[in-house]
Amino acid sequence: MALQFTLSQQVARLLSRCPSALRGRILRELSQRLAGSRPSSGNGLEVGVLRLPSGCQVSYRLDRSREQVEMLDAAL
């Protein structure tokens, strides 16, 4: 599944201060975790929090029917 990402304003501000390599790693790790996970509900919408291998904790909303992830919050 190829996911499209949107960022909340606070996530965009946080990631804009990070080196581009770290931004790419966070997006890659989140994409890999979500693409490999099973849908938790029948309607295709999922909200959750993940701790990524990079150490970043991300809260997200995933619309599987549109293949779109909104990053709601992040802590590095």
N, C-alpha and C. Protein backbone atom coordinates (compact mmCIF):
# COMPACT_ATOMS: atom_id res chain seq x y z
N MET A 1 0.85 -1.16 0.00
CA MET A 1 0.00 0.00 0.00
C MET A 1 0.90 1.23 0.00
N ALA A 2 0.71 2.15 -0.95
CA ALA A 2 1.43 3.41 -1.01
C ALA A 2 0.60 4.46 -0.28
N LEU A 3 1.12 4.98 0.81
CA LEU A 3 0.37 5.92 1.63
C LEU A 3 0.74 7.36 1.31
N GLN A 4 -0.26 8.22 1.40
CA GLN A 4 -0.05 9.66 1.28
C GLN A 4 -0.10 10.24 2.68
N PHE A 5 0.79 11.17 2.97
CA PHE A 5 0.85 11.76 4.30
C PHE A 5 0.40 13.20 4.30
N THR A 6 -0.32 13.57 5.35
CA THR A 6 -0.58 14.97 5.67
C THR A 6 -0.12 15.16 7.11
N LEU A 7 0.27 16.38 7.44
CA LEU A 7 0.83 16.67 8.75
C LEU A 7 0.01 17.76 9.43
N SER A 8 -0.23 17.59 10.73
CA SER A 8 -0.82 18.69 11.48
C SER A 8 0.21 19.82 11.51
N GLN A 9 -0.22 21.02 11.86
CA GLN A 9 0.70 22.16 11.90
C GLN A 9 1.83 21.93 12.88
N GLN A 10 1.54 21.36 14.05
CA GLN A 10 2.61 21.17 15.03
C GLN A 10 3.59 20.11 14.59
N VAL A 11 3.13 19.06 13.90
CA VAL A 11 4.05 18.05 13.38
C VAL A 11 4.91 18.65 12.27
N ALA A 12 4.30 19.45 11.40
CA ALA A 12 5.05 20.10 10.33
C ALA A 12 6.16 20.99 10.91
N ARG A 13 5.84 21.76 11.96
CA ARG A 13 6.85 22.61 12.61
C ARG A 13 7.97 21.77 13.21
N LEU A 14 7.59 20.70 13.91
CA LEU A 14 8.59 19.85 14.55
C LEU A 14 9.51 19.21 13.51
N LEU A 15 8.93 18.63 12.47
CA LEU A 15 9.73 17.95 11.46
C LEU A 15 10.57 18.92 10.63
N SER A 16 10.11 20.16 10.48
CA SER A 16 10.88 21.13 9.71
C SER A 16 12.19 21.48 10.41
N ARG A 17 12.26 21.25 11.72
CA ARG A 17 13.48 21.53 12.49
C ARG A 17 14.44 20.35 12.51
N CYS A 18 14.00 19.21 11.99
CA CYS A 18 14.83 17.99 11.98
C CYS A 18 15.65 17.91 10.70
N PRO A 19 16.78 17.22 10.75
CA PRO A 19 17.53 16.96 9.52
C PRO A 19 16.66 16.15 8.54
N SER A 20 16.84 16.38 7.27
CA SER A 20 16.02 15.71 6.27
C SER A 20 16.13 14.19 6.35
N ALA A 21 17.29 13.68 6.72
CA ALA A 21 17.45 12.22 6.85
C ALA A 21 16.54 11.67 7.94
N LEU A 22 16.40 12.39 9.04
CA LEU A 22 15.52 11.94 10.12
C LEU A 22 14.05 12.03 9.70
N ARG A 23 13.68 13.12 9.02
CA ARG A 23 12.30 13.23 8.53
C ARG A 23 11.95 12.05 7.63
N GLY A 24 12.85 11.74 6.70
CA GLY A 24 12.63 10.62 5.80
C GLY A 24 12.52 9.30 6.54
N ARG A 25 13.37 9.13 7.54
CA ARG A 25 13.35 7.88 8.31
C ARG A 25 12.02 7.73 9.05
N ILE A 26 11.54 8.80 9.67
CA ILE A 26 10.27 8.75 10.41
C ILE A 26 9.13 8.39 9.47
N LEU A 27 9.05 9.04 8.32
CA LEU A 27 7.97 8.75 7.36
C LEU A 27 8.07 7.32 6.83
N ARG A 28 9.27 6.87 6.56
CA ARG A 28 9.48 5.48 6.08
C ARG A 28 9.04 4.47 7.13
N GLU A 29 9.49 4.68 8.37
CA GLU A 29 9.15 3.75 9.44
C GLU A 29 7.64 3.71 9.69
N LEU A 30 7.00 4.87 9.69
CA LEU A 30 5.55 4.90 9.90
C LEU A 30 4.83 4.21 8.76
N SER A 31 5.25 4.49 7.54
CA SER A 31 4.64 3.86 6.37
C SER A 31 4.77 2.34 6.43
N GLN A 32 5.95 1.86 6.77
CA GLN A 32 6.19 0.41 6.85
C GLN A 32 5.33 -0.23 7.93
N ARG A 33 5.23 0.41 9.09
CA ARG A 33 4.43 -0.15 10.18
C ARG A 33 2.95 -0.19 9.83
N LEU A 34 2.45 0.88 9.20
CA LEU A 34 1.03 0.93 8.88
C LEU A 34 0.67 0.02 7.71
N ALA A 35 1.54 -0.06 6.72
CA ALA A 35 1.28 -0.91 5.56
C ALA A 35 1.25 -2.37 5.97
N GLY A 36 2.03 -2.74 6.98
CA GLY A 36 2.09 -4.13 7.42
C GLY A 36 1.06 -4.50 8.47
N SER A 37 0.30 -3.52 8.95
CA SER A 37 -0.67 -3.80 10.01
C SER A 37 -2.01 -4.20 9.42
N ARG A 38 -2.78 -4.89 10.23
CA ARG A 38 -4.12 -5.30 9.81
C ARG A 38 -5.12 -4.21 10.19
N PRO A 39 -6.15 -4.02 9.37
CA PRO A 39 -7.18 -3.04 9.71
C PRO A 39 -7.84 -3.40 11.04
N SER A 40 -8.04 -2.41 11.90
CA SER A 40 -8.65 -2.66 13.20
C SER A 40 -10.17 -2.53 13.17
N SER A 41 -10.71 -1.95 12.10
CA SER A 41 -12.16 -1.80 12.02
C SER A 41 -12.62 -1.98 10.58
N GLY A 42 -13.90 -2.23 10.42
CA GLY A 42 -14.44 -2.48 9.09
C GLY A 42 -14.59 -1.24 8.23
N ASN A 43 -14.62 -0.04 8.83
CA ASN A 43 -14.88 1.16 8.04
C ASN A 43 -13.63 1.75 7.41
N GLY A 44 -12.48 1.17 7.68
CA GLY A 44 -11.25 1.65 7.05
C GLY A 44 -10.58 2.79 7.77
N LEU A 45 -11.17 3.30 8.87
CA LEU A 45 -10.55 4.38 9.63
C LEU A 45 -9.89 3.81 10.87
N GLU A 46 -8.70 4.32 11.17
CA GLU A 46 -7.95 3.85 12.32
C GLU A 46 -7.22 5.03 12.94
N VAL A 47 -7.26 5.13 14.25
CA VAL A 47 -6.53 6.16 14.98
C VAL A 47 -5.66 5.43 15.99
N GLY A 48 -4.41 5.84 16.10
CA GLY A 48 -3.53 5.15 17.02
C GLY A 48 -2.26 5.91 17.32
N VAL A 49 -1.44 5.28 18.14
CA VAL A 49 -0.13 5.82 18.52
C VAL A 49 0.89 4.71 18.34
N LEU A 50 2.01 5.03 17.73
CA LEU A 50 3.08 4.06 17.51
C LEU A 50 4.41 4.62 18.00
N ARG A 51 5.21 3.75 18.58
CA ARG A 51 6.61 4.08 18.89
C ARG A 51 7.42 3.47 17.76
N LEU A 52 8.11 4.30 17.00
CA LEU A 52 8.88 3.84 15.84
C LEU A 52 10.28 3.41 16.25
N PRO A 53 10.95 2.60 15.44
CA PRO A 53 12.32 2.16 15.75
C PRO A 53 13.29 3.33 15.97
N SER A 54 13.03 4.46 15.33
CA SER A 54 13.89 5.64 15.50
C SER A 54 13.72 6.28 16.87
N GLY A 55 12.72 5.83 17.64
CA GLY A 55 12.47 6.39 18.96
C GLY A 55 11.36 7.43 18.96
N CYS A 56 10.91 7.83 17.81
CA CYS A 56 9.85 8.82 17.69
C CYS A 56 8.50 8.16 18.01
N GLN A 57 7.67 8.86 18.77
CA GLN A 57 6.31 8.40 19.03
C GLN A 57 5.36 9.26 18.18
N VAL A 58 4.50 8.61 17.43
CA VAL A 58 3.62 9.31 16.49
C VAL A 58 2.18 8.92 16.74
N SER A 59 1.31 9.92 16.83
CA SER A 59 -0.13 9.63 16.82
C SER A 59 -0.62 9.94 15.41
N TYR A 60 -1.54 9.13 14.94
CA TYR A 60 -1.94 9.22 13.54
C TYR A 60 -3.41 8.86 13.37
N ARG A 61 -3.94 9.25 12.22
CA ARG A 61 -5.26 8.82 11.76
C ARG A 61 -5.05 8.27 10.36
N LEU A 62 -5.46 7.03 10.16
CA LEU A 62 -5.27 6.35 8.88
C LEU A 62 -6.62 6.08 8.25
N ASP A 63 -6.80 6.52 7.02
CA ASP A 63 -7.98 6.21 6.21
C ASP A 63 -7.52 5.20 5.17
N ARG A 64 -7.77 3.93 5.44
CA ARG A 64 -7.30 2.87 4.55
C ARG A 64 -7.98 2.93 3.18
N SER A 65 -9.23 3.34 3.13
CA SER A 65 -9.92 3.39 1.84
C SER A 65 -9.30 4.42 0.91
N ARG A 66 -8.75 5.50 1.46
CA ARG A 66 -8.10 6.55 0.65
C ARG A 66 -6.58 6.43 0.68
N GLU A 67 -6.06 5.47 1.48
CA GLU A 67 -4.62 5.29 1.64
C GLU A 67 -3.94 6.58 2.08
N GLN A 68 -4.55 7.24 3.08
CA GLN A 68 -4.05 8.53 3.54
C GLN A 68 -3.83 8.49 5.05
N VAL A 69 -2.66 9.00 5.46
CA VAL A 69 -2.30 9.07 6.88
C VAL A 69 -2.17 10.53 7.25
N GLU A 70 -2.81 10.90 8.35
CA GLU A 70 -2.60 12.24 8.91
C GLU A 70 -1.79 12.06 10.20
N MET A 71 -0.63 12.65 10.24
CA MET A 71 0.17 12.63 11.48
C MET A 71 -0.36 13.73 12.38
N LEU A 72 -0.91 13.34 13.51
CA LEU A 72 -1.57 14.28 14.41
C LEU A 72 -0.60 14.90 15.42
N ASP A 73 0.35 14.09 15.90
CA ASP A 73 1.30 14.55 16.89
C ASP A 73 2.55 13.70 16.82
N ALA A 74 3.66 14.24 17.24
CA ALA A 74 4.92 13.48 17.24
C ALA A 74 5.78 13.97 18.39
N ALA A 75 6.51 13.04 18.99
CA ALA A 75 7.48 13.37 20.03
C ALA A 75 8.77 12.65 19.68
N LEU A 76 9.85 13.43 19.60
CA LEU A 76 11.15 12.85 19.24
C LEU A 76 11.93 12.44 20.46
